[in-house]
């Protein structure tokens, strides 16, 4: 992992001296991730995670949370989690950056819609639902977690319903 000696250097053999080499086994590596304080209550040991590496786009890796810190990181206001990942092909290296998704509330199905479909007014959110007969309906929703460009809808929308994404704000203003 690290070499701390070079040709011609003096080696100190006294007890407590600095190591000459640091050797590590990379057949398994730890993945450390930090969860927002607002999402910390949803995190449990054993939950599935999925992650992508910046250095290997298009490849997905999976694991399970093995450790959840007891306290938040004071400066970051984040909860640290850790998982152990098998790394037989040595593709994962120490200090790599990853984008991590944690699967919470497994077994529950919630619809998700693109961010641009949601119209916010104060602390209220609404969408325009498109029906098969070419009509639209304004509907209040309760948004949940945000994952990239998608927003979970906790209340107000059923799976399979279609929402207006392009021009939703224009339609909303014209309807008032």
Protein backbone atom coordinates (compact mmCIF):
# COMPACT_ATOMS: atom_id res chain seq x y z
CA UNK A 1 0.00 0.00 0.00
CA UNK A 2 2.81 2.37 0.86
CA UNK A 3 6.60 2.41 0.70
CA UNK A 4 8.34 4.64 3.24
CA UNK A 5 11.95 3.89 2.37
CA UNK A 6 14.08 4.50 -0.66
CA UNK A 7 17.54 3.49 -1.87
CA UNK A 8 20.30 4.76 0.42
CA UNK A 9 18.02 5.64 3.34
CA UNK A 10 18.85 4.67 6.91
CA UNK A 11 16.45 2.15 8.51
CA UNK A 12 15.71 2.56 12.22
CA UNK A 13 15.14 -0.85 13.81
CA UNK A 14 14.17 0.44 17.27
CA UNK A 15 10.84 -0.52 18.81
CA UNK A 16 8.10 1.93 17.88
CA UNK A 17 9.92 3.14 14.78
CA UNK A 18 8.11 4.13 11.63
CA UNK A 19 7.17 1.14 9.41
CA UNK A 20 9.15 0.70 6.22
CA UNK A 21 6.25 -0.72 4.17
CA UNK A 22 2.52 -0.72 4.76
CA UNK A 23 1.01 -3.91 3.35
CA UNK A 24 -2.72 -4.36 2.79
CA UNK A 25 -5.08 -7.00 1.50
CA UNK A 26 -7.47 -5.49 -1.05
CA UNK A 27 -9.55 -8.66 -1.59
CA UNK A 28 -12.17 -6.90 0.54
CA UNK A 29 -12.53 -3.14 0.97
CA UNK A 30 -14.71 -0.86 3.07
CA UNK A 31 -17.13 1.54 1.50
CA UNK A 32 -17.79 4.54 3.73
CA UNK A 33 -20.76 6.77 3.01
CA UNK A 34 -22.35 9.70 4.80
CA UNK A 35 -26.13 9.98 5.10
CA UNK A 36 -27.93 13.31 5.58
CA UNK A 37 -29.22 13.95 9.08
CA UNK A 38 -32.79 14.13 7.74
CA UNK A 39 -32.50 10.58 6.34
CA UNK A 40 -30.56 9.05 9.27
CA UNK A 41 -33.63 7.58 10.98
CA UNK A 42 -34.28 5.35 7.94
CA UNK A 43 -30.87 3.63 8.04
CA UNK A 44 -30.48 0.12 9.48
CA UNK A 45 -27.78 -2.54 9.51
CA UNK A 46 -28.44 -5.07 6.75
CA UNK A 47 -30.07 -2.66 4.28
CA UNK A 48 -29.03 -3.06 0.68
CA UNK A 49 -26.91 -0.45 -1.01
CA UNK A 50 -25.95 0.06 -4.61
CA UNK A 51 -23.05 2.20 -5.76
CA UNK A 52 -21.29 3.41 -8.87
CA UNK A 53 -17.68 4.49 -9.14
CA UNK A 54 -16.62 7.65 -10.93
CA UNK A 55 -13.69 5.74 -12.41
CA UNK A 56 -15.84 2.87 -13.77
CA UNK A 57 -19.04 4.39 -15.23
CA UNK A 58 -21.76 1.97 -16.21
CA UNK A 59 -20.84 -0.63 -13.60
CA UNK A 60 -23.06 -1.17 -10.55
CA UNK A 61 -21.86 -2.70 -7.30
CA UNK A 62 -24.00 -3.99 -4.43
CA UNK A 63 -23.61 -4.68 -0.73
CA UNK A 64 -25.31 -4.45 2.64
CA UNK A 65 -24.77 -1.97 5.46
CA UNK A 66 -22.58 -3.60 8.12
CA UNK A 67 -22.05 -0.66 10.48
CA UNK A 68 -23.98 2.50 11.36
CA UNK A 69 -22.20 5.11 13.48
CA UNK A 70 -23.74 5.92 16.86
CA UNK A 71 -23.40 9.69 16.39
CA UNK A 72 -23.40 12.21 13.58
CA UNK A 73 -20.20 13.74 12.24
CA UNK A 74 -20.29 17.13 13.97
CA UNK A 75 -18.91 19.21 11.09
CA UNK A 76 -20.77 17.47 8.29
CA UNK A 77 -24.10 16.83 10.09
CA UNK A 78 -24.03 13.41 8.46
CA UNK A 79 -24.27 9.82 9.72
CA UNK A 80 -21.41 7.54 8.66
CA UNK A 81 -22.22 4.04 7.41
CA UNK A 82 -19.88 1.29 6.31
CA UNK A 83 -20.11 -1.87 4.28
CA UNK A 84 -17.56 -4.51 3.32
CA UNK A 85 -17.29 -5.16 -0.41
CA UNK A 86 -15.67 -8.24 -1.95
CA UNK A 87 -13.00 -7.11 -4.39
CA UNK A 88 -11.59 -10.24 -6.02
CA UNK A 89 -10.71 -8.47 -9.28
CA UNK A 90 -9.03 -5.58 -7.35
CA UNK A 91 -11.10 -3.01 -9.29
CA UNK A 92 -11.86 -1.06 -6.11
CA UNK A 93 -9.02 1.05 -4.76
CA UNK A 94 -8.66 2.99 -1.51
CA UNK A 95 -9.89 6.61 -1.64
CA UNK A 96 -12.06 6.14 -4.76
CA UNK A 97 -15.22 8.25 -4.96
CA UNK A 98 -18.60 6.57 -5.37
CA UNK A 99 -22.24 7.53 -5.74
CA UNK A 100 -24.26 5.47 -3.24
CA UNK A 101 -27.98 4.59 -3.12
CA UNK A 102 -29.46 3.03 0.01
CA UNK A 103 -32.64 1.02 -0.32
CA UNK A 104 -34.99 1.99 2.51
CA UNK A 105 -38.54 0.83 3.18
CA UNK A 106 -37.97 -2.32 1.16
CA UNK A 107 -41.19 -3.99 0.06
CA UNK A 108 -43.11 -0.71 -0.14
CA UNK A 109 -43.94 0.53 -3.60
CA UNK A 110 -44.22 4.25 -4.10
CA UNK A 111 -44.65 6.05 -7.38
CA UNK A 112 -41.84 8.33 -8.43
CA UNK A 113 -42.07 11.21 -10.87
CA UNK A 114 -39.56 13.55 -12.54
CA UNK A 115 -38.66 16.66 -10.54
CA UNK A 116 -39.89 18.99 -13.26
CA UNK A 117 -43.46 17.64 -12.90
CA UNK A 118 -43.82 18.99 -9.34
CA UNK A 119 -45.06 22.53 -8.78
CA UNK A 120 -44.27 23.95 -5.35
CA UNK A 121 -46.18 26.78 -3.73
CA UNK A 122 -45.03 27.43 -0.18
CA UNK A 123 -45.02 24.11 1.64
CA UNK A 124 -47.56 22.56 -0.76
CA UNK A 125 -46.79 20.51 -3.86
CA UNK A 126 -48.99 19.54 -6.79
CA UNK A 127 -48.86 17.89 -10.18
CA UNK A 128 -51.01 17.73 -13.28
CA UNK A 129 -52.26 14.18 -13.96
CA UNK A 130 -52.89 13.29 -17.63
CA UNK A 131 -55.82 10.94 -18.35
CA UNK A 132 -56.31 8.67 -21.35
CA UNK A 133 -59.22 10.81 -22.61
CA UNK A 134 -56.75 13.71 -23.12
CA UNK A 135 -57.94 15.63 -20.03
CA UNK A 136 -55.73 16.79 -17.20
CA UNK A 137 -56.41 17.14 -13.50
CA UNK A 138 -54.57 19.18 -10.86
CA UNK A 139 -53.74 17.05 -7.83
CA UNK A 140 -52.03 17.82 -4.50
CA UNK A 141 -49.26 15.40 -3.56
CA UNK A 142 -47.00 14.67 -0.62
CA UNK A 143 -43.42 14.38 -1.92
CA UNK A 144 -40.95 12.01 -0.28
CA UNK A 145 -37.30 11.29 -0.91
CA UNK A 146 -35.45 12.75 -3.87
CA UNK A 147 -33.16 10.47 -5.88
CA UNK A 148 -31.36 12.36 -8.59
CA UNK A 149 -34.02 13.62 -11.00
CA UNK A 150 -36.89 11.61 -9.46
CA UNK A 151 -39.16 12.42 -6.49
CA UNK A 152 -41.01 9.80 -4.47
CA UNK A 153 -44.75 10.52 -4.08
CA UNK A 154 -46.09 9.39 -0.69
CA UNK A 155 -49.67 10.55 -1.16
CA UNK A 156 -51.84 11.82 -4.00
CA UNK A 157 -50.73 9.63 -6.92
CA UNK A 158 -51.19 5.96 -7.78
CA UNK A 159 -48.62 3.79 -9.57
CA UNK A 160 -49.13 3.93 -13.33
CA UNK A 161 -50.73 7.36 -13.47
CA UNK A 162 -49.19 9.78 -15.96
CA UNK A 163 -48.13 13.30 -15.03
CA UNK A 164 -47.35 16.34 -17.15
CA UNK A 165 -43.63 17.10 -17.03
CA UNK A 166 -43.03 19.65 -19.77
CA UNK A 167 -45.06 22.83 -19.42
CA UNK A 168 -46.63 21.89 -16.08
CA UNK A 169 -45.93 25.32 -14.61
CA UNK A 170 -47.41 27.02 -17.69
CA UNK A 171 -50.59 24.92 -17.41
CA UNK A 172 -50.77 25.66 -13.69
CA UNK A 173 -50.55 29.43 -14.22
CA UNK A 174 -53.06 29.39 -17.09
CA UNK A 175 -55.58 27.43 -14.97
CA UNK A 176 -55.65 30.07 -12.20
